[in-house]
């Protein structure tokens, strides 16, 4: 199980996966926005999205868990 965490403080701009989706290493999963810049967050391993812990528009802090992959 891998927890995809936010590397920055920002806002969830777009969620590109859904629960049950198969993902591979380096697939884009979430796009964060901070200081008018978009930052894509990539999968860190192959697996299946088992949980999405944020919604589009949510504010997140560095280290917050965004998505769980099993």
N, C-alpha and C. Protein backbone atom coordinates (compact mmCIF):
# COMPACT_ATOMS: atom_id res chain seq x y z
N UNK A 1 0.85 -1.18 0.00
CA UNK A 1 0.00 0.00 0.00
C UNK A 1 0.89 1.24 0.00
N UNK A 2 0.54 2.19 -0.84
CA UNK A 2 1.29 3.44 -0.91
C UNK A 2 0.32 4.60 -0.71
N UNK A 3 0.75 5.56 0.08
CA UNK A 3 -0.03 6.77 0.28
C UNK A 3 0.65 7.89 -0.51
N UNK A 4 -0.08 8.47 -1.44
CA UNK A 4 0.42 9.59 -2.22
C UNK A 4 0.18 10.85 -1.41
N UNK A 5 1.26 11.55 -1.05
CA UNK A 5 1.14 12.73 -0.20
C UNK A 5 1.45 14.00 -0.98
N UNK A 6 0.97 15.09 -0.45
CA UNK A 6 1.20 16.40 -1.07
C UNK A 6 2.61 16.89 -0.76
N UNK A 7 3.36 17.27 -1.80
CA UNK A 7 4.71 17.79 -1.56
C UNK A 7 4.71 19.28 -1.21
N UNK A 8 3.55 19.93 -1.35
CA UNK A 8 3.45 21.38 -1.15
C UNK A 8 2.13 21.74 -0.48
N UNK A 9 2.05 22.95 0.06
CA UNK A 9 0.77 23.50 0.50
C UNK A 9 0.09 24.06 -0.75
N UNK A 10 -1.20 23.80 -0.91
CA UNK A 10 -1.90 24.31 -2.08
C UNK A 10 -3.35 23.91 -2.06
N UNK A 11 -3.93 23.91 -3.24
CA UNK A 11 -5.34 23.59 -3.42
C UNK A 11 -5.44 22.47 -4.45
N UNK A 12 -6.35 21.52 -4.21
CA UNK A 12 -6.57 20.44 -5.17
C UNK A 12 -7.33 21.04 -6.35
N UNK A 13 -6.65 21.11 -7.51
CA UNK A 13 -7.26 21.71 -8.69
C UNK A 13 -8.02 20.67 -9.49
N UNK A 14 -7.43 19.47 -9.66
CA UNK A 14 -8.06 18.43 -10.46
C UNK A 14 -7.64 17.06 -9.96
N UNK A 15 -8.60 16.14 -9.89
CA UNK A 15 -8.33 14.74 -9.56
C UNK A 15 -8.50 13.95 -10.84
N UNK A 16 -7.46 13.24 -11.24
CA UNK A 16 -7.43 12.56 -12.53
C UNK A 16 -7.73 11.07 -12.45
N UNK A 17 -7.96 10.54 -11.25
CA UNK A 17 -8.24 9.11 -11.06
C UNK A 17 -9.52 8.93 -10.25
N UNK A 18 -10.02 7.72 -10.28
CA UNK A 18 -11.19 7.35 -9.48
C UNK A 18 -10.88 6.07 -8.73
N UNK A 19 -11.62 5.81 -7.67
CA UNK A 19 -11.44 4.57 -6.91
C UNK A 19 -11.66 3.39 -7.87
N UNK A 20 -10.74 2.44 -7.83
CA UNK A 20 -10.82 1.27 -8.70
C UNK A 20 -9.95 1.37 -9.94
N UNK A 21 -9.47 2.57 -10.26
CA UNK A 21 -8.60 2.74 -11.43
C UNK A 21 -7.26 2.04 -11.21
N UNK A 22 -6.76 1.41 -12.25
CA UNK A 22 -5.41 0.85 -12.23
C UNK A 22 -4.44 1.97 -12.61
N UNK A 23 -3.36 2.09 -11.86
CA UNK A 23 -2.35 3.11 -12.15
C UNK A 23 -0.98 2.46 -12.24
N UNK A 24 -0.12 3.11 -13.00
CA UNK A 24 1.25 2.64 -13.15
C UNK A 24 2.20 3.73 -12.63
N UNK A 25 3.41 3.34 -12.37
CA UNK A 25 4.44 4.27 -11.91
C UNK A 25 4.47 5.49 -12.82
N UNK A 26 4.47 6.67 -12.23
CA UNK A 26 4.56 7.96 -12.91
C UNK A 26 3.30 8.39 -13.66
N UNK A 27 2.15 7.73 -13.44
CA UNK A 27 0.88 8.23 -13.98
C UNK A 27 0.49 9.48 -13.19
N UNK A 28 -0.02 10.51 -13.89
CA UNK A 28 -0.54 11.70 -13.20
C UNK A 28 -1.81 11.31 -12.46
N UNK A 29 -1.90 11.71 -11.18
CA UNK A 29 -3.06 11.35 -10.39
C UNK A 29 -3.85 12.56 -9.90
N UNK A 30 -3.13 13.59 -9.48
CA UNK A 30 -3.76 14.79 -8.93
C UNK A 30 -2.97 16.00 -9.43
N UNK A 31 -3.66 17.10 -9.64
CA UNK A 31 -2.98 18.36 -9.95
C UNK A 31 -3.29 19.34 -8.83
N UNK A 32 -2.23 19.86 -8.22
CA UNK A 32 -2.37 20.86 -7.17
C UNK A 32 -2.09 22.23 -7.76
N UNK A 33 -2.68 23.25 -7.16
CA UNK A 33 -2.42 24.63 -7.57
C UNK A 33 -1.90 25.39 -6.36
N UNK A 34 -0.79 26.09 -6.58
CA UNK A 34 -0.22 26.94 -5.54
C UNK A 34 0.45 28.12 -6.22
N UNK A 35 0.15 29.31 -5.76
CA UNK A 35 0.72 30.52 -6.34
C UNK A 35 0.50 30.60 -7.85
N UNK A 36 -0.71 30.22 -8.29
CA UNK A 36 -1.11 30.26 -9.71
C UNK A 36 -0.30 29.31 -10.59
N UNK A 37 0.39 28.35 -9.98
CA UNK A 37 1.14 27.33 -10.73
C UNK A 37 0.50 25.98 -10.50
N UNK A 38 0.38 25.18 -11.56
CA UNK A 38 -0.16 23.83 -11.44
C UNK A 38 1.00 22.85 -11.24
N UNK A 39 0.84 21.97 -10.25
CA UNK A 39 1.86 20.98 -9.95
C UNK A 39 1.25 19.59 -10.04
N UNK A 40 1.62 18.79 -11.06
CA UNK A 40 1.09 17.44 -11.14
C UNK A 40 1.74 16.54 -10.10
N UNK A 41 0.94 15.64 -9.54
CA UNK A 41 1.43 14.66 -8.57
C UNK A 41 1.30 13.29 -9.22
N UNK A 42 2.39 12.54 -9.22
CA UNK A 42 2.47 11.28 -9.96
C UNK A 42 2.43 10.07 -9.03
N UNK A 43 1.92 8.96 -9.57
CA UNK A 43 1.91 7.70 -8.84
C UNK A 43 3.34 7.27 -8.53
N UNK A 44 3.52 6.72 -7.34
CA UNK A 44 4.85 6.27 -6.92
C UNK A 44 5.03 4.77 -7.10
N UNK A 45 3.95 4.07 -7.51
CA UNK A 45 4.05 2.63 -7.76
C UNK A 45 2.85 2.17 -8.58
N UNK A 46 2.94 0.94 -9.08
CA UNK A 46 1.82 0.33 -9.79
C UNK A 46 0.80 -0.15 -8.78
N UNK A 47 -0.47 -0.13 -9.15
CA UNK A 47 -1.50 -0.65 -8.25
C UNK A 47 -2.88 -0.18 -8.64
N UNK A 48 -3.78 -0.26 -7.68
CA UNK A 48 -5.17 0.14 -7.87
C UNK A 48 -5.52 1.22 -6.85
N UNK A 49 -6.19 2.26 -7.31
CA UNK A 49 -6.62 3.33 -6.41
C UNK A 49 -7.68 2.76 -5.48
N UNK A 50 -7.40 2.74 -4.17
CA UNK A 50 -8.35 2.19 -3.21
C UNK A 50 -9.09 3.27 -2.43
N UNK A 51 -8.51 4.48 -2.39
CA UNK A 51 -9.14 5.55 -1.61
C UNK A 51 -8.65 6.90 -2.12
N UNK A 52 -9.57 7.85 -2.21
CA UNK A 52 -9.22 9.24 -2.52
C UNK A 52 -9.66 10.06 -1.32
N UNK A 53 -8.71 10.71 -0.67
CA UNK A 53 -8.99 11.39 0.60
C UNK A 53 -9.24 12.88 0.46
N UNK A 54 -9.26 13.40 -0.76
CA UNK A 54 -9.50 14.83 -0.98
C UNK A 54 -10.55 15.01 -2.08
N UNK A 55 -11.07 16.23 -2.16
CA UNK A 55 -11.99 16.59 -3.23
C UNK A 55 -11.40 17.79 -3.96
N UNK A 56 -11.84 17.99 -5.20
CA UNK A 56 -11.39 19.17 -5.94
C UNK A 56 -11.81 20.41 -5.17
N UNK A 57 -10.89 21.35 -5.03
CA UNK A 57 -11.15 22.57 -4.29
C UNK A 57 -10.64 22.54 -2.85
N UNK A 58 -10.30 21.35 -2.33
CA UNK A 58 -9.80 21.25 -0.96
C UNK A 58 -8.43 21.91 -0.84
N UNK A 59 -8.19 22.56 0.28
CA UNK A 59 -6.86 23.07 0.62
C UNK A 59 -6.09 21.94 1.29
N UNK A 60 -4.83 21.75 0.90
CA UNK A 60 -4.00 20.70 1.49
C UNK A 60 -2.68 21.30 1.98
N UNK A 61 -2.11 20.63 2.95
CA UNK A 61 -0.81 21.02 3.48
C UNK A 61 0.22 19.99 3.06
N UNK A 62 1.47 20.39 3.07
CA UNK A 62 2.56 19.46 2.76
C UNK A 62 2.45 18.24 3.67
N UNK A 63 2.50 17.04 3.08
CA UNK A 63 2.43 15.81 3.85
C UNK A 63 1.04 15.21 3.98
N UNK A 64 0.00 15.95 3.61
CA UNK A 64 -1.36 15.40 3.66
C UNK A 64 -1.50 14.26 2.65
N UNK A 65 -2.21 13.21 3.04
CA UNK A 65 -2.44 12.08 2.14
C UNK A 65 -3.54 12.45 1.16
N UNK A 66 -3.26 12.29 -0.14
CA UNK A 66 -4.22 12.61 -1.18
C UNK A 66 -4.94 11.37 -1.68
N UNK A 67 -4.16 10.33 -2.01
CA UNK A 67 -4.69 9.11 -2.62
C UNK A 67 -3.96 7.91 -2.03
N UNK A 68 -4.69 6.80 -1.86
CA UNK A 68 -4.10 5.54 -1.39
C UNK A 68 -4.14 4.53 -2.55
N UNK A 69 -3.00 3.91 -2.82
CA UNK A 69 -2.88 2.91 -3.88
C UNK A 69 -2.49 1.58 -3.24
N UNK A 70 -3.20 0.52 -3.61
CA UNK A 70 -2.87 -0.82 -3.08
C UNK A 70 -2.48 -1.74 -4.20
